[in-house]
Protein backbone atom coordinates (compact mmCIF):
# COMPACT_ATOMS: atom_id res chain seq x y z
CA MET A 1 -39.10 26.00 1.54
CA ASN A 2 -40.01 24.27 -1.48
CA VAL A 3 -37.07 24.78 -3.76
CA LEU A 4 -36.76 22.67 -6.98
CA ASN A 5 -40.12 21.77 -6.57
CA LYS A 6 -39.21 19.37 -3.63
CA THR A 7 -40.83 19.65 -0.01
CA SER A 8 -38.02 20.23 3.01
CA GLN A 9 -38.44 16.86 4.04
CA GLU A 10 -37.56 15.42 0.53
CA LEU A 11 -34.87 17.84 0.34
CA ILE A 12 -33.36 16.90 3.97
CA LEU A 13 -33.73 13.14 3.28
CA GLY A 14 -32.03 13.37 -0.20
CA LEU A 15 -29.07 15.50 1.28
CA ALA A 16 -29.00 13.00 4.33
CA GLY A 17 -29.01 10.28 2.09
CA LYS A 18 -26.42 11.50 -0.20
CA THR A 19 -24.22 12.57 2.95
CA ASN A 20 -24.40 8.91 4.26
CA ASP A 21 -24.15 7.18 0.94
CA VAL A 22 -27.49 5.48 1.25
CA VAL A 23 -30.86 5.49 -0.61
CA LEU A 24 -33.70 6.21 1.48
CA ASN A 25 -37.14 5.48 1.46
CA GLN A 26 -38.76 8.71 1.78
CA ARG A 27 -42.35 7.62 2.06
CA ALA A 28 -41.15 5.30 5.24
CA LEU A 29 -39.43 7.92 7.00
CA GLU A 30 -40.18 11.06 9.23
CA LEU A 31 -37.97 13.68 10.29
CA ILE A 32 -37.91 15.14 13.86
CA GLU A 33 -35.46 17.17 16.18
CA PHE A 34 -34.00 19.36 13.14
CA GLU A 35 -31.04 21.43 14.26
CA ASN A 36 -28.26 23.73 12.87
CA THR A 37 -24.88 22.64 13.60
CA GLU A 38 -21.65 24.43 13.51
CA GLN A 39 -20.09 23.90 10.05
CA ILE A 40 -17.92 20.55 9.83
CA GLY A 41 -16.62 20.25 6.16
CA GLU A 42 -19.93 20.31 4.08
CA ASN A 43 -22.33 19.55 6.83
CA ASN A 44 -23.99 22.16 8.94
CA ALA A 45 -27.21 20.41 10.23
CA LYS A 46 -28.56 17.35 11.74
CA VAL A 47 -31.76 15.88 12.26
CA ARG A 48 -33.23 12.47 13.71
CA ILE A 49 -34.78 10.11 11.03
CA ASN A 50 -37.34 7.85 12.49
CA SER A 51 -38.91 4.87 10.71
CA LYS A 52 -42.78 4.85 10.28
CA ASP A 53 -43.05 1.72 8.39
CA PRO A 54 -45.71 -0.63 10.09
CA VAL A 55 -43.90 -4.05 9.36
CA VAL A 56 -40.08 -2.87 9.84
CA TYR A 57 -39.01 -0.97 13.13
CA THR A 58 -35.19 0.15 12.39
CA GLY A 59 -35.04 2.69 15.37
CA SER A 60 -34.30 6.27 14.92
CA ARG A 61 -30.96 7.82 14.03
CA VAL A 62 -29.25 11.10 13.91
CA VAL A 63 -27.66 12.24 10.87
CA LYS A 64 -25.70 15.22 9.64
CA TYR A 65 -25.84 17.08 6.31
CA GLY A 66 -25.17 19.70 4.36
CA LYS A 67 -28.11 22.02 3.45
CA LEU A 68 -28.86 22.87 -0.07
CA ASN A 69 -27.03 25.83 -1.08
CA ILE A 70 -28.96 28.41 -3.11
CA ASN A 71 -26.10 30.32 -4.63
CA LYS A 72 -24.47 27.24 -6.42
CA GLU A 73 -27.87 25.75 -7.47
CA LEU A 74 -29.31 29.05 -9.12
CA ALA A 75 -25.68 30.56 -10.16
CA GLY A 76 -26.48 29.18 -13.83
CA LEU A 77 -29.64 30.88 -14.22
CA LYS A 78 -28.39 34.31 -14.07
CA ILE A 79 -31.77 35.21 -12.66
CA THR A 80 -33.45 38.82 -13.62
CA LEU A 81 -36.44 40.30 -12.30
CA PRO A 82 -38.26 43.51 -13.03
CA LEU A 83 -37.14 45.29 -9.85
CA LYS A 84 -38.31 48.71 -8.46
CA ALA A 85 -37.51 50.94 -5.52
CA GLY A 86 -39.32 49.44 -2.41
CA ASP A 87 -39.83 45.96 -3.64
CA THR A 88 -38.87 43.17 -1.35
CA MET A 89 -37.93 39.68 -1.77
CA GLN A 90 -41.35 38.48 -0.64
CA MET A 91 -43.22 40.76 -2.87
CA LEU A 92 -41.21 39.26 -5.83
CA ALA A 93 -41.49 35.44 -4.71
CA SER A 94 -44.48 34.90 -6.73
CA ALA A 95 -42.91 36.82 -9.68
CA PHE A 96 -39.80 34.45 -9.14
CA THR A 97 -42.02 31.28 -9.27
CA GLU A 98 -43.80 32.49 -12.44
CA LYS A 99 -40.93 33.15 -14.45
CA TYR A 100 -38.21 30.12 -13.20
CA GLY A 101 -40.83 27.50 -11.95
CA ILE A 102 -39.30 27.44 -8.54
CA TYR A 103 -41.37 27.97 -5.71
CA LEU A 104 -40.27 30.04 -2.61
CA ASP A 105 -41.75 29.86 0.80
CA ILE A 106 -41.84 33.43 1.68
CA ASN A 107 -41.82 32.68 5.31
CA GLU A 108 -38.71 31.22 4.95
CA LEU A 109 -36.92 34.37 2.89
CA GLU A 110 -35.07 37.23 4.60
CA ASP A 111 -37.39 40.76 4.08
CA THR A 112 -34.39 42.36 1.83
CA GLU A 113 -35.25 45.62 -0.05
CA VAL A 114 -33.90 46.61 -3.54
CA ASP A 115 -30.68 48.11 -3.61
CA VAL A 116 -31.59 51.32 -5.96
CA SER A 117 -27.77 52.56 -5.57
CA LYS A 118 -26.50 49.82 -8.18
CA SER A 119 -27.35 49.89 -11.90
CA PRO A 120 -28.97 47.86 -12.63
CA MET A 121 -30.66 47.39 -9.52
CA GLU A 122 -30.16 44.49 -7.11
CA ILE A 123 -32.06 42.61 -4.63
CA LEU A 124 -30.73 39.74 -2.59
CA LEU A 125 -32.53 36.30 -2.13
CA LYS A 126 -31.46 35.44 1.25
CA VAL A 127 -32.87 32.07 3.33
CA LYS A 128 -33.33 32.60 6.92
CA ILE A 129 -30.87 30.86 9.18
CA THR A 130 -33.41 28.62 10.72
CA ASP A 131 -34.48 27.05 7.34
CA LYS A 132 -34.19 23.26 7.83
CA ALA A 133 -32.69 22.31 4.22
CA VAL A 134 -31.63 25.45 2.22
CA MET A 135 -29.15 27.82 2.81
CA THR A 136 -27.47 31.11 1.07
CA GLU A 137 -24.19 32.11 1.19
CA ARG A 138 -22.88 35.29 3.15
CA GLY A 139 -25.09 38.29 1.92
CA GLY A 140 -27.63 35.68 -0.24
CA PHE A 141 -28.01 35.38 -4.02
CA VAL A 142 -27.97 38.37 -6.12
CA ILE A 143 -30.83 38.85 -8.44
CA THR A 144 -30.57 41.52 -11.06
CA GLU A 145 -33.13 44.14 -12.54
CA GLU A 146 -34.41 43.22 -15.75
CA VAL A 147 -33.63 45.65 -18.42
CA ASP A 148 -34.82 46.70 -21.94
CA ASP A 149 -31.75 46.36 -24.22
CA SER A 150 -33.58 48.51 -26.52
CA ASP A 151 -33.51 51.27 -24.42
CA LEU A 152 -30.13 53.46 -24.84
CA SER A 153 -29.78 54.64 -21.34
CA ASN A 154 -30.15 51.10 -19.95
CA ILE A 155 -27.20 50.06 -22.26
CA ILE A 156 -25.10 52.90 -21.16
CA LYS A 157 -25.64 51.97 -17.47
CA ARG A 158 -25.07 48.49 -17.45
CA THR A 159 -22.67 48.28 -20.26
CA SER A 160 -20.57 51.02 -17.75
CA LEU A 161 -20.25 48.29 -15.07
CA ASN A 162 -18.61 45.38 -16.77
CA GLY A 163 -15.03 47.14 -17.16
CA LEU A 164 -15.35 49.43 -20.10
CA VAL A 165 -14.72 53.23 -19.56
CA TYR A 166 -16.40 55.95 -21.21
CA PRO A 167 -13.86 56.94 -24.09
CA SER A 168 -15.09 60.54 -23.80
CA LYS A 169 -14.37 62.93 -20.78
CA ASP A 170 -17.34 64.97 -21.81
CA LYS A 171 -20.05 63.07 -19.80
CA THR A 172 -22.81 65.43 -21.13
CA ARG A 173 -22.68 63.28 -24.56
CA ILE A 174 -23.68 59.85 -25.71
CA GLN A 175 -20.76 57.61 -25.49
CA GLY A 176 -20.09 56.46 -29.22
CA PRO A 177 -19.19 52.93 -28.95
CA ILE A 178 -22.33 52.28 -26.74
CA MET A 179 -24.72 53.61 -28.95
CA THR A 180 -23.57 52.42 -32.49
CA TYR A 181 -22.40 49.08 -31.80
CA PRO A 182 -22.44 46.92 -33.60
CA VAL A 183 -23.15 48.85 -36.85
CA VAL A 184 -22.33 47.05 -39.80
CA SER A 185 -21.73 48.34 -43.42
CA GLU A 186 -22.88 45.69 -45.94
CA ASP A 187 -20.81 47.78 -48.73
CA LYS A 188 -17.50 46.49 -47.92
CA VAL A 189 -15.81 48.93 -50.72
CA VAL A 190 -17.11 52.39 -49.19
CA PRO A 191 -15.69 51.91 -45.55
CA ALA A 192 -12.30 50.51 -46.78
CA ARG A 193 -11.53 53.92 -48.81
CA TYR A 194 -11.35 55.90 -45.88
CA ILE A 195 -7.58 56.69 -44.69
CA LYS A 196 -6.51 57.28 -41.19
CA GLY A 197 -6.69 61.21 -40.45
CA TYR A 198 -9.53 61.83 -43.02
CA LEU A 199 -11.51 64.88 -41.84
CA ILE A 200 -15.22 65.35 -43.05
CA THR A 201 -16.25 68.87 -43.98
CA THR A 202 -17.97 68.72 -47.28
CA PRO A 203 -19.87 65.28 -47.40
CA THR A 204 -19.02 62.95 -50.43
CA SER A 205 -21.07 60.17 -51.28
CA ASP A 206 -18.92 57.56 -49.49
CA ASP A 207 -19.79 59.80 -46.10
CA TRP A 208 -23.50 59.55 -47.01
CA VAL A 209 -23.33 55.83 -47.16
CA ILE A 210 -21.95 55.85 -43.67
CA ALA A 211 -24.29 58.41 -42.28
CA ASP A 212 -27.07 56.06 -43.88
CA ALA A 213 -25.66 53.05 -42.04
CA LEU A 214 -25.51 54.70 -39.05
CA SER A 215 -29.05 55.93 -39.23
CA GLU A 216 -30.44 53.02 -39.99
CA ASP A 217 -28.86 51.17 -37.03
CA THR A 218 -29.69 53.78 -34.46
CA GLY A 219 -32.63 54.93 -35.39
CA GLU A 220 -31.53 58.59 -35.41
CA ASN A 221 -31.30 60.80 -38.58
CA TRP A 222 -27.46 61.28 -38.92
CA SER A 223 -26.40 64.25 -41.31
CA PHE A 224 -23.74 66.67 -41.77
CA LYS A 225 -25.48 69.75 -39.89
CA GLN A 226 -23.26 71.34 -37.28
CA ALA A 227 -25.42 70.06 -34.51
CA GLY A 228 -27.16 66.80 -33.37
CA PHE A 229 -26.19 63.35 -34.73
CA THR A 230 -23.78 64.41 -37.35
CA LEU A 231 -20.50 63.55 -38.84
CA TYR A 232 -19.57 67.09 -39.58
CA ASN A 233 -15.80 67.29 -38.57
CA ALA A 234 -15.65 63.66 -37.86
CA LYS A 235 -12.10 62.34 -38.19
CA VAL A 236 -10.97 58.80 -39.00
CA LEU A 237 -9.04 57.32 -36.14
CA TYR A 238 -8.60 54.00 -37.54
CA ASN A 239 -9.66 51.66 -40.45
CA GLY A 240 -8.42 48.02 -40.72
CA LYS A 241 -8.61 44.55 -39.08
CA THR A 242 -10.26 44.47 -35.80
CA ALA A 243 -7.89 41.98 -34.47
CA SER A 244 -4.89 44.49 -34.46
CA LEU A 245 -6.80 46.92 -32.41
CA ASP A 246 -6.08 47.11 -28.55
CA GLU A 247 -8.73 47.24 -25.83
CA THR A 248 -8.75 50.88 -26.12
CA TYR A 249 -11.65 50.73 -28.46
CA HIS A 250 -14.71 48.68 -28.01
CA VAL A 251 -15.27 46.93 -31.16
CA ASN A 252 -16.89 43.45 -32.51
CA ARG A 253 -14.21 41.03 -33.06
CA ALA A 254 -16.55 38.74 -34.87
CA HIS A 255 -16.25 41.38 -37.86
CA GLU A 256 -12.92 41.47 -39.50
CA ASN A 257 -12.83 45.07 -40.48
CA VAL A 258 -13.82 48.21 -38.53
CA LEU A 259 -13.67 52.05 -39.28
CA ILE A 260 -13.61 54.31 -36.52
CA PHE A 261 -14.30 58.01 -36.30
CA GLU A 262 -14.09 60.56 -33.63
CA PRO A 263 -17.05 62.77 -34.21
CA GLY A 264 -16.55 66.56 -34.15
CA LYS A 265 -17.58 68.72 -31.10
CA GLU A 266 -20.59 69.40 -32.84
CA CYS A 267 -21.82 65.97 -32.53
CA ASP A 268 -24.17 64.67 -29.60
CA VAL A 269 -22.05 61.46 -29.61
CA GLY A 270 -18.85 61.79 -27.71
CA GLY A 271 -16.04 59.33 -27.87
CA TYR A 272 -15.68 57.27 -31.22
CA ILE A 273 -18.07 55.64 -33.71
CA SER A 274 -17.55 52.37 -34.97
CA ILE A 275 -18.63 50.71 -38.44
CA HIS A 276 -17.62 47.09 -38.86
CA TYR A 277 -17.54 45.60 -42.36
């Protein structure tokens, strides 16, 4: 497998040299009798290294070494690919190379399929146990579906997996903090006027400022009608410092203040709506 733009021989000689604390002249050596071994310390393979130098003959030597661990090498990349049901790792190898500049020999990969039960979907990059230079831990290295952050359904699916819980028991409605986050009002005076418990029935000019901020940020037409994206019957749950809130609310603590509404039952949004200022 050509990983990190090195051939198997280059990788093995580099790993063998590192294990034995020597610098090997890769042009003057050849590798034979490769063998997987039982894991002893960091070593899990061995190979016989022969000299092919026409002048100096050093005989051959069997050295043990640890294979390159793909999980550790690629972990910092947070790799994503445009996955779809039916894709295999062999099918995606060229897309992987194109995006990250790392060549994968498909003959050395296990034919893993996309796991469509996960959201976002996942596929495992798993190297065959017979590979001479490279290994993957346990199930393999997870590659995640590449999602479009502008698609609301993807944002909701992805965020629901990171420990946040839906704030509304009514799952038929869009969840407020996911959709409106991080709405920010440039007018700091209007949001600051709201007091806890305030209920919107007949909208004031201040209420329209809030509706306009939501409309601009979400792309939806927020109003005070008794259906759709509406602030009708919305109730103020909190207005103050973001630092004073517990983790019940999903807010952006980079902003000093936040105004939180609970939408009325007429609204398509459940949970709560946060306006930072």
